[in-house]
C-alpha atoms as a PDB file:
ATOM      1  CA  MET A   1      -0.085   0.203   0.250  1.00  0.00           C
ATOM      2  CA  SER A   2       1.609   3.476  -0.833  1.00  0.00           C
ATOM      3  CA  ASP A   3      -1.121   5.607   1.038  1.00  0.00           C
ATOM      4  CA  PRO A   4       0.978   6.640   4.164  1.00  0.00           C
ATOM      5  CA  TYR A   5      -2.399   6.922   6.012  1.00  0.00           C
ATOM      6  CA  GLY A   6      -2.825   2.882   5.835  1.00  0.00           C
ATOM      7  CA  SER A   7       0.091   1.821   6.031  1.00  0.00           C
ATOM      8  CA  HIS A   8      -0.437   0.724   9.203  1.00  0.00           C
ATOM      9  CA  ILE A   9      -3.176  -1.530   8.296  1.00  0.00           C
ATOM     10  CA  PHE A  10      -1.259  -4.706   7.268  1.00  0.00           C
ATOM     11  CA  VAL A  11       0.248  -4.810  10.491  1.00  0.00           C
ATOM     12  CA  LEU A  12      -2.964  -3.982  12.468  1.00  0.00           C
ATOM     13  CA  ALA A  13      -4.213  -7.160  10.654  1.00  0.00           C
ATOM     14  CA  ASP A  14      -1.910  -9.012  11.372  1.00  0.00           C
ATOM     15  CA  VAL A  15      -2.258  -8.317  15.227  1.00  0.00           C
ATOM     16  CA  CYS A  16      -5.648  -8.870  15.112  1.00  0.00           C
ATOM     17  CA  SER A  17      -6.007 -11.834  13.623  1.00  0.00           C
ATOM     18  CA  TYR A  18      -3.352 -13.182  16.341  1.00  0.00           C
ATOM     19  CA  ILE A  19      -5.185 -11.830  19.318  1.00  0.00           C
ATOM     20  CA  TYR A  20      -8.950 -11.084  18.518  1.00  0.00           C
ATOM     21  CA  PRO A  21      -9.790  -7.956  20.495  1.00  0.00           C
ATOM     22  CA  LYS A  22     -12.478  -7.747  22.289  1.00  0.00           C
ATOM     23  CA  THR A  23     -12.314  -3.973  22.861  1.00  0.00           C
ATOM     24  CA  ALA A  24     -10.304  -1.275  21.108  1.00  0.00           C
ATOM     25  CA  ILE A  25      -9.423   2.080  21.910  1.00  0.00           C
ATOM     26  CA  GLU A  26      -8.369   4.531  18.450  1.00  0.00           C
ATOM     27  CA  LEU A  27      -6.665   7.463  18.953  1.00  0.00           C
ATOM     28  CA  GLY A  28      -6.965   9.422  15.488  1.00  0.00           C
ATOM     29  CA  MET A  29      -9.548   8.110  13.510  1.00  0.00           C
ATOM     30  CA  GLY A  30      -9.002   7.105   9.714  1.00  0.00           C
ATOM     31  CA  PRO A  31     -10.764   5.959   6.434  1.00  0.00           C
ATOM     32  CA  TYR A  32      -8.542   2.795   7.000  1.00  0.00           C
ATOM     33  CA  SER A  33      -8.167   1.866  10.236  1.00  0.00           C
ATOM     34  CA  THR A  34     -11.631   3.054  11.795  1.00  0.00           C
ATOM     35  CA  GLN A  35     -13.178   0.560   9.128  1.00  0.00           C
ATOM     36  CA  PHE A  36     -11.085  -2.109   9.424  1.00  0.00           C
ATOM     37  CA  LEU A  37     -11.253  -2.121  13.440  1.00  0.00           C
ATOM     38  CA  LEU A  38     -15.014  -1.732  13.038  1.00  0.00           C
ATOM     39  CA  LYS A  39     -14.871  -5.329  11.456  1.00  0.00           C
ATOM     40  CA  VAL A  40     -12.552  -7.501  13.656  1.00  0.00           C
ATOM     41  CA  VAL A  41     -13.016  -5.836  17.011  1.00  0.00           C
ATOM     42  CA  GLY A  42     -15.276  -8.172  18.691  1.00  0.00           C
ATOM     43  CA  GLU A  43     -17.153  -5.854  21.406  1.00  0.00           C
ATOM     44  CA  LYS A  44     -16.653  -2.523  21.587  1.00  0.00           C
ATOM     45  CA  LEU A  45     -14.458   0.314  19.629  1.00  0.00           C
ATOM     46  CA  ILE A  46     -13.912   3.771  20.932  1.00  0.00           C
ATOM     47  CA  SER A  47     -12.558   6.120  18.490  1.00  0.00           C
ATOM     48  CA  ILE A  48     -11.287   9.855  19.437  1.00  0.00           C
ATOM     49  CA  GLU A  49     -10.272  12.270  17.301  1.00  0.00           C
ATOM     50  CA  THR A  50      -8.886  15.508  19.006  1.00  0.00           C
ATOM     51  CA  GLU A  51      -7.887  17.612  16.095  1.00  0.00           C
ATOM     52  CA  SER A  52     -10.102  18.582  13.032  1.00  0.00           C
ATOM     53  CA  GLU A  53     -13.821  17.996  13.406  1.00  0.00           C
ATOM     54  CA  GLU A  54     -14.095  18.010   9.715  1.00  0.00           C
ATOM     55  CA  TRP A  55     -11.786  14.920   9.830  1.00  0.00           C
ATOM     56  CA  PHE A  56     -14.188  13.848  12.533  1.00  0.00           C
ATOM     57  CA  LYS A  57     -17.167  14.601  10.624  1.00  0.00           C
ATOM     58  CA  ARG A  58     -15.667  12.832   7.636  1.00  0.00           C
ATOM     59  CA  ILE A  59     -14.677   9.693   9.327  1.00  0.00           C
ATOM     60  CA  SER A  60     -17.858   9.546  11.213  1.00  0.00           C
ATOM     61  CA  VAL A  61     -20.248   9.443   8.046  1.00  0.00           C
ATOM     62  CA  MET A  62     -18.480   6.415   6.567  1.00  0.00           C
ATOM     63  CA  CYS A  63     -18.490   4.212   9.440  1.00  0.00           C
ATOM     64  CA  LYS A  64     -21.934   2.905  11.245  1.00  0.00           C
ATOM     65  CA  SER A  65     -22.306   0.060  14.057  1.00  0.00           C
ATOM     66  CA  ASN A  66     -24.000  -0.170  17.682  1.00  0.00           C
ATOM     67  CA  LYS A  67     -20.560  -1.438  18.788  1.00  0.00           C
ATOM     68  CA  TRP A  68     -18.661   2.192  17.943  1.00  0.00           C
ATOM     69  CA  THR A  69     -18.073   5.161  20.076  1.00  0.00           C
ATOM     70  CA  SER A  70     -16.518   8.156  18.275  1.00  0.00           C
ATOM     71  CA  VAL A  71     -15.191  11.324  20.516  1.00  0.00           C
ATOM     72  CA  PHE A  72     -14.509  14.779  18.924  1.00  0.00           C
ATOM     73  CA  ASP A  73     -13.058  16.515  21.633  1.00  0.00           C
ATOM     74  CA  ARG A  74     -10.440  19.541  21.156  1.00  0.00           C
ATOM     75  CA  GLU A  75     -10.500  20.870  24.370  1.00  0.00           C
ATOM     76  CA  ARG A  76      -9.026  18.099  26.461  1.00  0.00           C
ATOM     77  CA  THR A  77      -5.958  15.589  25.277  1.00  0.00           C
ATOM     78  CA  GLU A  78      -5.916  12.464  24.118  1.00  0.00           C
ATOM     79  CA  LEU A  79      -4.050  11.475  26.955  1.00  0.00           C
ATOM     80  CA  GLU A  80      -6.855  13.010  29.643  1.00  0.00           C
ATOM     81  CA  ILE A  81      -9.592  11.635  27.402  1.00  0.00           C
ATOM     82  CA  ILE A  82      -8.194   7.475  27.859  1.00  0.00           C
ATOM     83  CA  GLN A  83      -7.390   7.984  31.893  1.00  0.00           C
ATOM     84  CA  GLY A  84      -9.399   4.989  33.674  1.00  0.00           C
ATOM     85  CA  LEU A  85     -10.070   3.225  30.198  1.00  0.00           C
ATOM     86  CA  LYS A  86      -8.804  -0.494  29.561  1.00  0.00           C
ATOM     87  CA  ALA A  87      -8.958  -2.451  26.062  1.00  0.00           C
ATOM     88  CA  ASP A  88      -6.879  -5.145  24.597  1.00  0.00           C
ATOM     89  CA  LEU A  89      -5.406  -2.796  21.804  1.00  0.00           C
ATOM     90  CA  VAL A  90      -4.776   0.427  21.564  1.00  0.00           C
ATOM     91  CA  LEU A  91      -4.021   2.361  18.505  1.00  0.00           C
ATOM     92  CA  VAL A  92      -2.064   5.350  18.301  1.00  0.00           C
ATOM     93  CA  ASP A  93      -2.386   7.549  14.894  1.00  0.00           C
ATOM     94  CA  GLY A  94      -3.670  10.579  16.630  1.00  0.00           C
ATOM     95  CA  ALA A  95      -2.138  14.156  18.024  1.00  0.00           C
ATOM     96  CA  SER A  96       1.583  14.307  16.917  1.00  0.00           C
ATOM     97  CA  ALA A  97       2.841  16.186  20.184  1.00  0.00           C
ATOM     98  CA  MET A  98       1.118  13.416  22.521  1.00  0.00           C
ATOM     99  CA  ARG A  99       1.899  10.716  20.531  1.00  0.00           C
ATOM    100  CA  VAL A 100       4.954   9.909  22.639  1.00  0.00           C
ATOM    101  CA  PRO A 101       2.967  10.242  26.107  1.00  0.00           C
ATOM    102  CA  VAL A 102       0.175   8.345  25.112  1.00  0.00           C
ATOM    103  CA  CYS A 103       1.967   5.692  23.716  1.00  0.00           C
ATOM    104  CA  SER A 104       3.472   5.089  27.191  1.00  0.00           C
ATOM    105  CA  TYR A 105       0.378   5.485  29.150  1.00  0.00           C
ATOM    106  CA  ALA A 106      -1.219   3.336  26.386  1.00  0.00           C
ATOM    107  CA  GLN A 107       0.647   0.309  27.818  1.00  0.00           C
ATOM    108  CA  THR A 108      -0.774   0.584  30.854  1.00  0.00           C
ATOM    109  CA  ILE A 109      -4.222  -0.068  29.733  1.00  0.00           C
ATOM    110  CA  ALA A 110      -4.312  -2.302  26.784  1.00  0.00           C
ATOM    111  CA  ASP A 111      -2.112  -5.685  26.250  1.00  0.00           C
ATOM    112  CA  THR A 112      -1.023  -4.451  23.245  1.00  0.00           C
ATOM    113  CA  VAL A 113      -0.435  -1.115  21.458  1.00  0.00           C
ATOM    114  CA  ILE A 114       0.322   0.084  17.990  1.00  0.00           C
ATOM    115  CA  CYS A 115       2.020   3.003  17.202  1.00  0.00           C
ATOM    116  CA  HIS A 116       2.042   4.398  13.850  1.00  0.00           C
ATOM    117  CA  ASP A 117       4.908   6.817  12.453  1.00  0.00           C
ATOM    118  CA  ALA A 118       6.960   5.017  14.257  1.00  0.00           C
ATOM    119  CA  GLU A 119      10.264   6.554  12.419  1.00  0.00           C
ATOM    120  CA  TYR A 120       9.449  10.379  13.535  1.00  0.00           C
ATOM    121  CA  HIS A 121       8.452   9.893  17.515  1.00  0.00           C
ATOM    122  CA  ALA A 122      10.650   8.179  20.562  1.00  0.00           C
ATOM    123  CA  TYR A 123       7.997   5.842  21.525  1.00  0.00           C
ATOM    124  CA  VAL A 124       9.419   4.499  24.931  1.00  0.00           C
ATOM    125  CA  LYS A 125       8.716   0.536  26.003  1.00  0.00           C
ATOM    126  CA  ALA A 126       6.855  -0.057  29.126  1.00  0.00           C
ATOM    127  CA  PRO A 127       9.455  -2.767  31.300  1.00  0.00           C
ATOM    128  CA  PHE A 128       6.565  -5.429  30.953  1.00  0.00           C
ATOM    129  CA  CYS A 129       5.793  -5.027  27.167  1.00  0.00           C
ATOM    130  CA  GLN A 130       7.801  -6.742  24.456  1.00  0.00           C
ATOM    131  CA  TYR A 131       8.762  -4.609  21.750  1.00  0.00           C
ATOM    132  CA  VAL A 132       9.291  -4.544  17.682  1.00  0.00           C
ATOM    133  CA  LYS A 133       9.277  -1.700  15.156  1.00  0.00           C
ATOM    134  CA  VAL A 134       7.660  -2.628  11.674  1.00  0.00           C
ATOM    135  CA  ILE A 135       9.677  -1.314   8.842  1.00  0.00           C
ATOM    136  CA  ASP A 136       8.194  -2.967   5.764  1.00  0.00           C
ATOM    137  CA  GLU A 137       6.782   0.474   4.661  1.00  0.00           C
ATOM    138  CA  LYS A 138       7.034   4.054   5.182  1.00  0.00           C
ATOM    139  CA  PRO A 139       5.536   5.382   8.002  1.00  0.00           C
ATOM    140  CA  TYR A 140       6.775   2.434  10.046  1.00  0.00           C
ATOM    141  CA  THR A 141       4.634   0.769  12.777  1.00  0.00           C
ATOM    142  CA  ALA A 142       5.755   0.349  16.261  1.00  0.00           C
ATOM    143  CA  VAL A 143       3.783  -2.678  18.500  1.00  0.00           C
ATOM    144  CA  TYR A 144       4.134  -3.026  22.114  1.00  0.00           C
ATOM    145  CA  SER A 145       2.721  -6.161  23.898  1.00  0.00           C
ATOM    146  CA  THR A 146       3.063  -8.117  27.146  1.00  0.00           C
ATOM    147  CA  ASN A 147       2.258 -10.931  24.398  1.00  0.00           C
ATOM    148  CA  THR A 148       5.585 -12.274  23.506  1.00  0.00           C
ATOM    149  CA  GLY A 149       4.069 -14.709  20.984  1.00  0.00           C
ATOM    150  CA  LEU A 150       2.362 -11.879  18.796  1.00  0.00           C
ATOM    151  CA  ILE A 151       6.217 -10.156  18.649  1.00  0.00           C
ATOM    152  CA  GLU A 152       7.490 -13.312  17.656  1.00  0.00           C
ATOM    153  CA  TYR A 153       4.777 -13.593  14.754  1.00  0.00           C
ATOM    154  CA  LEU A 154       5.169  -9.964  13.927  1.00  0.00           C
ATOM    155  CA  LYS A 155       8.970 -10.813  13.111  1.00  0.00           C
ATOM    156  CA  GLU A 156       7.906 -14.070  11.142  1.00  0.00           C
ATOM    157  CA  ARG A 157       5.840 -12.023   8.745  1.00  0.00           C
ATOM    158  CA  HIS A 158       7.218  -8.356   8.666  1.00  0.00           C
ATOM    159  CA  THR A 159      10.902  -6.935   8.184  1.00  0.00           C
ATOM    160  CA  CYS A 160      11.484  -5.805  11.945  1.00  0.00           C
ATOM    161  CA  GLU A 161      13.359  -3.722  14.284  1.00  0.00           C
ATOM    162  CA  SER A 162      13.693  -4.659  17.872  1.00  0.00           C
END
């Protein structure tokens, strides 16, 4: 896929086929990721957009589901919005300035965290997580997980850095 907005979908698909998430939080809605997550998440997807109301409306029109909650909030940061939430999977692809702290916090509320644009941000791995950066195609995608089998599975299927 040569579209930089969708370069993480292959990694997201492999992660989801391995862990089968019941719940997910998506930070930064997208035409590829939101629709994909709605297909694979079993029970509940919360999608959060903090930057563009126009973008939020565009994606919201494309996606409809009873298991989906979409949130637009320009007043709070993504980090503030996700306080106290839990999920099987968190996708970090939202506000650039918040990605590093959000990725770090997300590792405390989810077993698996996927962070897009990994070559542009100095993401930090929590001590209890395994890590791999998938470098098949730019922008790169980092995956943090407590599931060692998932990390090994990704290493078998993709070109990676650890």
